[in-house]
C-alpha atoms as a PDB file:
ATOM      1  CA  MET A   1      83.874  42.653 171.930  1.00  0.00           C
ATOM      2  CA  ILE A   2      81.678  40.759 169.482  1.00  0.00           C
ATOM      3  CA  ALA A   3      82.826  37.460 170.961  1.00  0.00           C
ATOM      4  CA  LEU A   4      82.028  38.676 174.484  1.00  0.00           C
ATOM      5  CA  ALA A   5      78.658  40.034 173.380  1.00  0.00           C
ATOM      6  CA  THR A   6      77.830  36.731 171.688  1.00  0.00           C
ATOM      7  CA  MET A   7      78.606  34.831 174.876  1.00  0.00           C
ATOM      8  CA  MET A   8      76.552  37.299 176.932  1.00  0.00           C
ATOM      9  CA  LEU A   9      73.499  37.026 174.695  1.00  0.00           C
ATOM     10  CA  ASP A  10      73.758  33.256 174.194  1.00  0.00           C
ATOM     11  CA  PRO A  11      76.083  31.525 176.678  1.00  0.00           C
ATOM     12  CA  GLY A  12      75.740  28.276 174.721  1.00  0.00           C
ATOM     13  CA  GLN A  13      77.692  29.859 171.840  1.00  0.00           C
ATOM     14  CA  ALA A  14      81.012  29.623 173.693  1.00  0.00           C
ATOM     15  CA  ILE A  15      84.194  29.764 171.636  1.00  0.00           C
ATOM     16  CA  GLU A  16      86.052  26.486 171.407  1.00  0.00           C
ATOM     17  CA  PRO A  17      89.444  26.793 173.116  1.00  0.00           C
ATOM     18  CA  ASN A  18      91.307  24.401 170.795  1.00  0.00           C
ATOM     19  CA  LEU A  19      92.609  26.952 168.278  1.00  0.00           C
ATOM     20  CA  THR A  20      95.389  26.213 165.821  1.00  0.00           C
ATOM     21  CA  LEU A  21      98.301  28.473 164.920  1.00  0.00           C
ATOM     22  CA  ASN A  22      96.471  29.457 161.728  1.00  0.00           C
ATOM     23  CA  ASP A  23      93.430  30.463 163.785  1.00  0.00           C
ATOM     24  CA  LEU A  24      95.538  32.599 166.099  1.00  0.00           C
ATOM     25  CA  THR A  25      97.332  34.227 163.167  1.00  0.00           C
ATOM     26  CA  GLY A  26      93.991  35.079 161.557  1.00  0.00           C
ATOM     27  CA  ILE A  27      92.642  36.492 164.807  1.00  0.00           C
ATOM     28  CA  ALA A  28      95.787  38.618 165.267  1.00  0.00           C
ATOM     29  CA  ALA A  29      95.546  39.938 161.705  1.00  0.00           C
ATOM     30  CA  ALA A  30      91.850  40.741 162.158  1.00  0.00           C
ATOM     31  CA  LEU A  31      92.570  42.589 165.419  1.00  0.00           C
ATOM     32  CA  ILE A  32      95.285  44.668 163.777  1.00  0.00           C
ATOM     33  CA  MET A  33      93.044  45.595 160.854  1.00  0.00           C
ATOM     34  CA  ALA A  34      90.075  46.339 163.128  1.00  0.00           C
ATOM     35  CA  THR A  35      92.257  48.554 165.317  1.00  0.00           C
ATOM     36  CA  MET A  36      93.611  50.531 162.368  1.00  0.00           C
ATOM     37  CA  PHE A  37      90.285  51.071 160.638  1.00  0.00           C
ATOM     38  CA  GLY A  38      88.334  51.494 163.858  1.00  0.00           C
ATOM     39  CA  ALA A  39      90.719  54.154 165.143  1.00  0.00           C
ATOM     40  CA  ALA A  40      90.519  56.039 161.853  1.00  0.00           C
ATOM     41  CA  LEU A  41      86.701  55.946 161.845  1.00  0.00           C
ATOM     42  CA  ALA A  42      86.405  56.906 165.513  1.00  0.00           C
ATOM     43  CA  LEU A  43      88.958  59.710 165.562  1.00  0.00           C
ATOM     44  CA  VAL A  44      86.657  62.658 164.832  1.00  0.00           C
ATOM     45  CA  PRO A  45      83.571  61.518 166.827  1.00  0.00           C
ATOM     46  CA  VAL A  46      85.688  60.647 169.869  1.00  0.00           C
ATOM     47  CA  TRP A  47      87.541  63.955 169.640  1.00  0.00           C
ATOM     48  CA  ILE A  48      84.281  65.904 169.431  1.00  0.00           C
ATOM     49  CA  GLY A  49      82.737  63.919 172.272  1.00  0.00           C
ATOM     50  CA  GLY A  50      85.809  64.413 174.432  1.00  0.00           C
ATOM     51  CA  ARG A  51      85.764  68.170 173.828  1.00  0.00           C
ATOM     52  CA  LEU A  52      82.037  68.415 174.613  1.00  0.00           C
ATOM     53  CA  MET A  53      82.303  66.291 177.747  1.00  0.00           C
ATOM     54  CA  GLY A  54      85.401  68.181 178.861  1.00  0.00           C
ATOM     55  CA  ARG A  55      83.567  71.491 178.485  1.00  0.00           C
ATOM     56  CA  ALA A  56      80.518  70.129 180.334  1.00  0.00           C
ATOM     57  CA  ALA A  57      82.685  68.799 183.169  1.00  0.00           C
ATOM     58  CA  ALA A  58      84.460  72.168 183.433  1.00  0.00           C
ATOM     59  CA  LEU A  59      81.061  73.782 184.008  1.00  0.00           C
ATOM     60  CA  ASN A  60      79.787  71.035 186.313  1.00  0.00           C
ATOM     61  CA  PRO A  61      82.554  69.086 188.132  1.00  0.00           C
ATOM     62  CA  GLY A  62      80.152  66.211 188.848  1.00  0.00           C
ATOM     63  CA  LEU A  63      80.312  65.334 185.156  1.00  0.00           C
ATOM     64  CA  ALA A  64      84.046  64.665 185.422  1.00  0.00           C
ATOM     65  CA  HIS A  65      83.479  61.243 187.003  1.00  0.00           C
ATOM     66  CA  PRO A  66      84.681  58.423 184.705  1.00  0.00           C
ATOM     67  CA  ALA A  67      81.399  56.524 185.143  1.00  0.00           C
ATOM     68  CA  ILE A  68      79.500  59.471 183.637  1.00  0.00           C
ATOM     69  CA  TRP A  69      81.853  59.450 180.639  1.00  0.00           C
ATOM     70  CA  ALA A  70      81.291  55.691 180.218  1.00  0.00           C
ATOM     71  CA  ILE A  71      77.514  56.111 180.377  1.00  0.00           C
ATOM     72  CA  VAL A  72      77.539  58.968 177.872  1.00  0.00           C
ATOM     73  CA  GLY A  73      79.877  57.057 175.520  1.00  0.00           C
ATOM     74  CA  GLY A  74      77.598  54.021 175.582  1.00  0.00           C
ATOM     75  CA  ALA A  75      74.458  56.142 175.229  1.00  0.00           C
ATOM     76  CA  VAL A  76      75.805  58.011 172.208  1.00  0.00           C
ATOM     77  CA  MET A  77      76.736  54.724 170.535  1.00  0.00           C
ATOM     78  CA  ALA A  78      73.302  53.326 171.437  1.00  0.00           C
ATOM     79  CA  LEU A  79      71.686  56.193 169.521  1.00  0.00           C
ATOM     80  CA  GLY A  80      73.357  54.859 166.394  1.00  0.00           C
ATOM     81  CA  VAL A  81      72.628  51.208 167.164  1.00  0.00           C
ATOM     82  CA  LEU A  82      68.961  51.421 168.256  1.00  0.00           C
ATOM     83  CA  PRO A  83      67.535  52.291 164.818  1.00  0.00           C
ATOM     84  CA  LEU A  84      69.225  49.178 163.409  1.00  0.00           C
ATOM     85  CA  ASP A  85      68.569  46.864 166.370  1.00  0.00           C
ATOM     86  CA  PRO A  86      65.761  48.241 168.615  1.00  0.00           C
ATOM     87  CA  ALA A  87      65.754  45.226 170.935  1.00  0.00           C
ATOM     88  CA  LEU A  88      69.566  45.171 171.261  1.00  0.00           C
ATOM     89  CA  GLU A  89      69.582  41.479 170.474  1.00  0.00           C
ATOM     90  CA  SER A  90      72.544  41.446 168.107  1.00  0.00           C
ATOM     91  CA  PRO A  91      76.078  40.855 169.357  1.00  0.00           C
ATOM     92  CA  LEU A  92      77.331  43.636 167.065  1.00  0.00           C
ATOM     93  CA  GLY A  93      75.014  46.227 168.635  1.00  0.00           C
ATOM     94  CA  LEU A  94      75.970  45.242 172.160  1.00  0.00           C
ATOM     95  CA  ALA A  95      79.660  45.226 171.199  1.00  0.00           C
ATOM     96  CA  LEU A  96      79.394  48.720 169.720  1.00  0.00           C
ATOM     97  CA  ILE A  97      77.721  50.086 172.846  1.00  0.00           C
ATOM     98  CA  ALA A  98      80.400  48.524 175.054  1.00  0.00           C
ATOM     99  CA  THR A  99      83.075  50.000 172.788  1.00  0.00           C
ATOM    100  CA  GLY A 100      81.480  53.447 173.149  1.00  0.00           C
ATOM    101  CA  SER A 101      81.578  53.123 176.928  1.00  0.00           C
ATOM    102  CA  ILE A 102      85.195  52.019 176.925  1.00  0.00           C
ATOM    103  CA  SER A 103      86.111  54.884 174.585  1.00  0.00           C
ATOM    104  CA  GLY A 104      84.504  57.350 176.992  1.00  0.00           C
ATOM    105  CA  VAL A 105      86.567  56.036 179.882  1.00  0.00           C
ATOM    106  CA  ILE A 106      89.788  56.112 177.860  1.00  0.00           C
ATOM    107  CA  VAL A 107      89.202  59.718 176.768  1.00  0.00           C
ATOM    108  CA  ARG A 108      88.324  60.732 180.340  1.00  0.00           C
ATOM    109  CA  TYR A 109      91.548  59.175 181.624  1.00  0.00           C
ATOM    110  CA  ASP A 110      93.660  61.631 179.647  1.00  0.00           C
ATOM    111  CA  THR A 111      91.441  64.695 180.166  1.00  0.00           C
ATOM    112  CA  ARG A 112      92.743  67.325 182.568  1.00  0.00           C
ATOM    113  CA  TRP A 113      91.336  70.641 183.643  1.00  0.00           C
ATOM    114  CA  SER A 114      93.384  73.682 184.601  1.00  0.00           C
ATOM    115  CA  ASP A 115      92.547  73.300 188.288  1.00  0.00           C
ATOM    116  CA  ASP A 116      93.321  69.551 188.370  1.00  0.00           C
ATOM    117  CA  SER A 117      96.023  68.402 190.745  1.00  0.00           C
ATOM    118  CA  ALA A 118      96.189  64.973 189.050  1.00  0.00           C
END
């Protein structure tokens, strides 16, 4: 996400495609570590957010739309990013907001209500 955010904010900072095997190994190791630590850090906030959004959508079915969950996930992450980067000019801030949106959609995908036919 940081690489994508970097390219979005400054398209001239494109990643060179001529990577070596050592580069790919390092990237794979970094992705594995980021996934493990990121999942551990996000477990409780994502669980709480999923429960709150699930309850809200049970009361108002319009809130069950995946786009709403993506918007709320990104907005909640933006609340944490804005004090550190008010202009949203850093790739890390943009990457975190995108990750929050994606997390919202993933949690919504597996959320079911008692009257769901899906």
